[in-house]
Amino acid sequence: MSESLLLGGLLAMAGGFFDAYTYLCRGGVFANAQTGNIVLFGLKLAEGEWQRALTYLLPILAFAFGVVAAEIVKRHGKQEKRLDAGLHWRQVIVIAEIMLLAVVAFLPQQMNMVVNTVISFVCAMQVETFRKVRGSAFATTMCTGNLRSGTEQLIIWRQTGNRKAAHKARHYYAIILWFIAGAALGALCTDAWGERALLLTCAPLLAAFGLMFREEETHASV
């Protein structure tokens, strides 16, 4: 189930919500993919705006530490097979995400730097933990790679008639649509509820957590 299309879609919805939320409500910072933050960090350094540059550097560092944290949990989980509570290590990551998000949703605007840093950490854990959908490499917190791979598979299908490539293209574009839906929902909810809107990301994450109690994907979840 950790590679199912439904679970990937739920995580992508949360990912789209994260980016809309941090950009609209937490100072115009991108929490998911760090390319934008790296560029903005360089620009602020060139302009001599050291404090503003720091607001972009911290999410970048937090993302790196999130990858490290996910790998630590992964290695421990694979050694123990099942944790004491009977959870898979991926479920532990999702629960950690929910707990962190529930806390930072209540932080005021004066602590935007902390919020963006934590969300970047969460995104890194998610993208490092859930790396495949139906056996193909995917990302649930950014779309550039998915768009490239989906278009590549679409061209392969058009040139060769390979139905497997067509299915892969459909899956990539489905994940992108889930991400867009999450971003749209994030924009609407952030406009309505401000900082507290982040709490809504716990819903798809909880759904993903529950799905992982099932051993395998069924046709109904396609």
Protein backbone atom coordinates (compact mmCIF):
# COMPACT_ATOMS: atom_id res chain seq x y z
CA MET A 1 0.00 0.00 0.00
CA SER A 2 2.92 2.38 0.53
CA GLU A 3 3.32 2.47 -3.27
CA SER A 4 -0.38 2.69 -4.14
CA LEU A 5 -1.75 5.44 -6.36
CA LEU A 6 -4.36 6.43 -3.78
CA LEU A 7 -1.82 6.84 -1.01
CA GLY A 8 0.49 8.76 -3.32
CA GLY A 9 -2.39 11.04 -4.25
CA LEU A 10 -3.24 11.79 -0.63
CA LEU A 11 0.37 12.66 0.12
CA ALA A 12 0.58 14.84 -3.01
CA MET A 13 -2.54 16.70 -1.91
CA ALA A 14 -0.86 17.46 1.42
CA GLY A 15 2.27 18.49 -0.48
CA GLY A 16 0.39 20.97 -2.65
CA PHE A 17 -1.31 22.39 0.43
CA PHE A 18 2.06 22.91 2.14
CA ASP A 19 3.46 25.01 -0.69
CA ALA A 20 0.37 27.20 -1.04
CA TYR A 21 0.21 27.69 2.73
CA THR A 22 3.84 28.70 3.27
CA TYR A 23 3.88 30.96 0.22
CA LEU A 24 0.61 32.76 0.99
CA CYS A 25 0.65 32.77 4.77
CA ARG A 26 4.22 32.38 5.97
CA GLY A 27 6.31 34.97 4.16
CA GLY A 28 6.52 33.77 0.56
CA VAL A 29 8.79 30.80 1.26
CA PHE A 30 8.56 27.50 -0.65
CA ALA A 31 8.69 24.66 1.86
CA ASN A 32 8.57 21.69 -0.51
CA ALA A 33 11.17 21.97 -3.25
CA GLN A 34 14.27 23.87 -2.25
CA THR A 35 15.38 25.11 -5.70
CA GLY A 36 13.39 28.31 -5.33
CA ASN A 37 14.72 28.89 -1.83
CA ILE A 38 18.30 28.31 -2.98
CA VAL A 39 17.89 30.88 -5.76
CA LEU A 40 16.29 33.41 -3.40
CA PHE A 41 19.01 32.76 -0.84
CA GLY A 42 21.64 33.63 -3.44
CA LEU A 43 19.75 36.75 -4.49
CA LYS A 44 19.45 38.04 -0.94
CA LEU A 45 23.14 37.42 -0.36
CA ALA A 46 23.95 39.43 -3.48
CA GLU A 47 21.70 42.25 -2.26
CA GLY A 48 23.30 42.22 1.18
CA GLU A 49 20.03 41.36 2.94
CA TRP A 50 21.57 38.95 5.43
CA GLN A 51 18.55 38.50 7.70
CA ARG A 52 16.22 37.88 4.76
CA ALA A 53 18.74 35.41 3.33
CA LEU A 54 18.56 33.48 6.60
CA THR A 55 14.80 32.93 6.13
CA TYR A 56 15.63 30.96 2.98
CA LEU A 57 18.72 29.18 4.32
CA LEU A 58 16.98 27.60 7.31
CA PRO A 59 14.35 25.71 5.25
CA ILE A 60 17.16 24.42 3.00
CA LEU A 61 19.07 23.08 6.01
CA ALA A 62 15.87 21.70 7.55
CA PHE A 63 15.14 19.80 4.34
CA ALA A 64 18.56 18.17 4.49
CA PHE A 65 18.05 17.19 8.13
CA GLY A 66 14.61 15.80 7.27
CA VAL A 67 16.20 13.40 4.79
CA VAL A 68 18.66 12.31 7.48
CA ALA A 69 15.85 11.78 10.01
CA ALA A 70 13.82 9.68 7.56
CA GLU A 71 16.83 7.50 6.79
CA ILE A 72 17.48 6.93 10.50
CA VAL A 73 13.87 5.84 11.07
CA LYS A 74 14.02 3.67 7.95
CA ARG A 75 17.19 1.86 9.01
CA HIS A 76 15.87 1.28 12.52
CA GLY A 77 12.50 0.11 11.18
CA LYS A 78 14.05 -2.38 8.78
CA GLN A 79 16.23 -3.81 11.54
CA GLU A 80 13.30 -4.20 13.91
CA LYS A 81 10.86 -5.27 11.15
CA ARG A 82 7.94 -4.03 13.21
CA LEU A 83 8.09 -1.47 15.99
CA ASP A 84 6.71 -2.18 19.45
CA ALA A 85 3.37 -0.57 18.61
CA GLY A 86 3.03 -2.80 15.53
CA LEU A 87 3.55 0.08 13.12
CA HIS A 88 5.54 0.12 9.92
CA TRP A 89 8.39 2.63 9.87
CA ARG A 90 6.60 4.63 7.17
CA GLN A 91 3.61 5.00 9.47
CA VAL A 92 5.93 6.38 12.15
CA ILE A 93 7.07 9.05 9.69
CA VAL A 94 3.48 10.03 8.88
CA ILE A 95 2.57 10.28 12.57
CA ALA A 96 5.64 12.45 13.17
CA GLU A 97 4.51 14.70 10.30
CA ILE A 98 1.03 15.08 11.78
CA MET A 99 2.34 15.91 15.25
CA LEU A 100 4.77 18.56 13.97
CA LEU A 101 2.17 20.17 11.72
CA ALA A 102 -0.42 20.25 14.52
CA VAL A 103 2.03 22.19 16.69
CA VAL A 104 3.28 24.77 14.18
CA ALA A 105 -0.27 25.54 12.96
CA PHE A 106 -0.74 27.48 16.20
CA LEU A 107 2.42 29.56 15.94
CA PRO A 108 1.93 33.28 15.19
CA GLN A 109 3.22 35.24 12.22
CA GLN A 110 6.22 36.37 14.25
CA MET A 111 7.44 32.77 14.15
CA ASN A 112 7.13 32.21 10.40
CA MET A 113 10.78 31.23 10.18
CA VAL A 114 10.19 28.39 12.62
CA VAL A 115 7.04 27.26 10.81
CA ASN A 116 8.73 27.20 7.40
CA THR A 117 11.71 25.35 8.81
CA VAL A 118 9.50 22.66 10.36
CA ILE A 119 7.39 22.25 7.22
CA SER A 120 10.53 21.89 5.11
CA PHE A 121 11.69 19.20 7.53
CA VAL A 122 8.33 17.44 7.21
CA CYS A 123 8.41 17.61 3.40
CA ALA A 124 11.89 16.13 3.31
CA MET A 125 10.82 13.20 5.49
CA GLN A 126 7.81 12.59 3.26
CA VAL A 127 9.65 12.75 -0.06
CA GLU A 128 12.43 10.51 1.24
CA THR A 129 9.99 7.97 2.71
CA PHE A 130 7.51 7.68 -0.16
CA ARG A 131 9.57 7.49 -3.33
CA LYS A 132 7.55 5.17 -5.57
CA VAL A 133 4.03 4.77 -6.89
CA ARG A 134 3.28 1.47 -8.62
CA GLY A 135 7.01 0.75 -8.82
CA SER A 136 7.94 4.04 -10.52
CA ALA A 137 9.90 6.88 -8.93
CA PHE A 138 7.61 9.70 -7.83
CA ALA A 139 7.72 12.76 -5.60
CA THR A 140 4.73 13.84 -3.52
CA THR A 141 5.97 17.29 -2.47
CA MET A 142 7.12 18.65 -5.85
CA CYS A 143 6.07 18.26 -9.48
CA THR A 144 9.05 18.93 -11.77
CA GLY A 145 10.31 15.34 -11.82
CA ASN A 146 6.79 13.96 -12.14
CA LEU A 147 6.06 16.24 -15.08
CA ARG A 148 9.27 15.20 -16.83
CA SER A 149 8.72 11.48 -16.25
CA GLY A 150 5.03 11.61 -17.15
CA THR A 151 5.71 13.40 -20.42
CA GLU A 152 8.52 10.97 -21.22
CA GLN A 153 6.20 8.00 -20.73
CA LEU A 154 3.52 9.70 -22.81
CA ILE A 155 5.95 10.09 -25.73
CA ILE A 156 7.06 6.46 -25.38
CA TRP A 157 3.45 5.34 -25.53
CA ARG A 158 2.73 7.50 -28.59
CA GLN A 159 5.81 6.21 -30.42
CA THR A 160 5.66 2.54 -29.50
CA GLY A 161 2.10 1.87 -28.39
CA ASN A 162 3.44 0.46 -25.11
CA ARG A 163 0.43 0.28 -22.81
CA LYS A 164 2.64 0.08 -19.73
CA ALA A 165 4.10 3.48 -20.62
CA ALA A 166 0.56 4.84 -21.01
CA HIS A 167 -0.36 3.61 -17.54
CA LYS A 168 2.76 5.17 -16.06
CA ALA A 169 2.02 8.50 -17.76
CA ARG A 170 -1.50 8.42 -16.37
CA HIS A 171 -0.19 7.79 -12.87
CA TYR A 172 2.32 10.65 -13.06
CA TYR A 173 -0.30 13.10 -14.27
CA ALA A 174 -2.76 11.87 -11.66
CA ILE A 175 -0.27 12.68 -8.91
CA ILE A 176 0.24 16.14 -10.44
CA LEU A 177 -3.52 16.72 -10.42
CA TRP A 178 -3.70 15.69 -6.77
CA PHE A 179 -0.92 18.19 -6.03
CA ILE A 180 -2.77 20.96 -7.89
CA ALA A 181 -5.95 20.14 -5.99
CA GLY A 182 -4.03 20.37 -2.72
CA ALA A 183 -2.54 23.73 -3.71
CA ALA A 184 -5.96 25.10 -4.66
CA LEU A 185 -7.48 23.84 -1.44
CA GLY A 186 -4.55 25.29 0.49
CA ALA A 187 -5.05 28.69 -1.09
CA LEU A 188 -8.78 28.73 -0.30
CA CYS A 189 -8.40 27.45 3.25
CA THR A 190 -5.48 29.74 4.05
CA ASP A 191 -7.51 32.72 2.86
CA ALA A 192 -10.39 31.64 5.09
CA TRP A 193 -8.61 30.44 8.23
CA GLY A 194 -5.11 31.82 8.10
CA GLU A 195 -2.45 30.05 10.13
CA ARG A 196 -4.83 27.36 11.43
CA ALA A 197 -5.52 26.13 7.88
CA LEU A 198 -2.42 23.95 8.15
CA LEU A 199 -4.36 21.63 10.46
CA LEU A 200 -6.37 20.44 7.45
CA THR A 201 -3.29 18.71 6.04
CA CYS A 202 -3.61 16.23 8.89
CA ALA A 203 -6.72 14.76 7.20
CA PRO A 204 -5.03 13.30 4.08
CA LEU A 205 -2.04 12.27 6.19
CA LEU A 206 -4.29 10.40 8.62
CA ALA A 207 -6.00 8.72 5.68
CA ALA A 208 -2.61 7.67 4.32
CA PHE A 209 -1.65 6.35 7.75
CA GLY A 210 -4.80 4.23 7.88
CA LEU A 211 -4.33 2.87 4.35
CA MET A 212 -0.94 1.45 5.29
CA PHE A 213 -2.57 -1.04 7.65
CA ARG A 214 -3.68 -2.85 4.49
CA GLU A 215 -1.05 -5.21 3.15
CA GLU A 216 -1.58 -4.51 -0.54
CA GLU A 217 -3.45 -2.33 -2.97
CA THR A 218 -6.75 -3.49 -4.40
CA HIS A 219 -8.30 -2.62 -7.74
CA ALA A 220 -10.77 -0.35 -5.94
CA SER A 221 -7.98 2.08 -5.05
CA VAL A 222 -6.85 2.62 -8.66
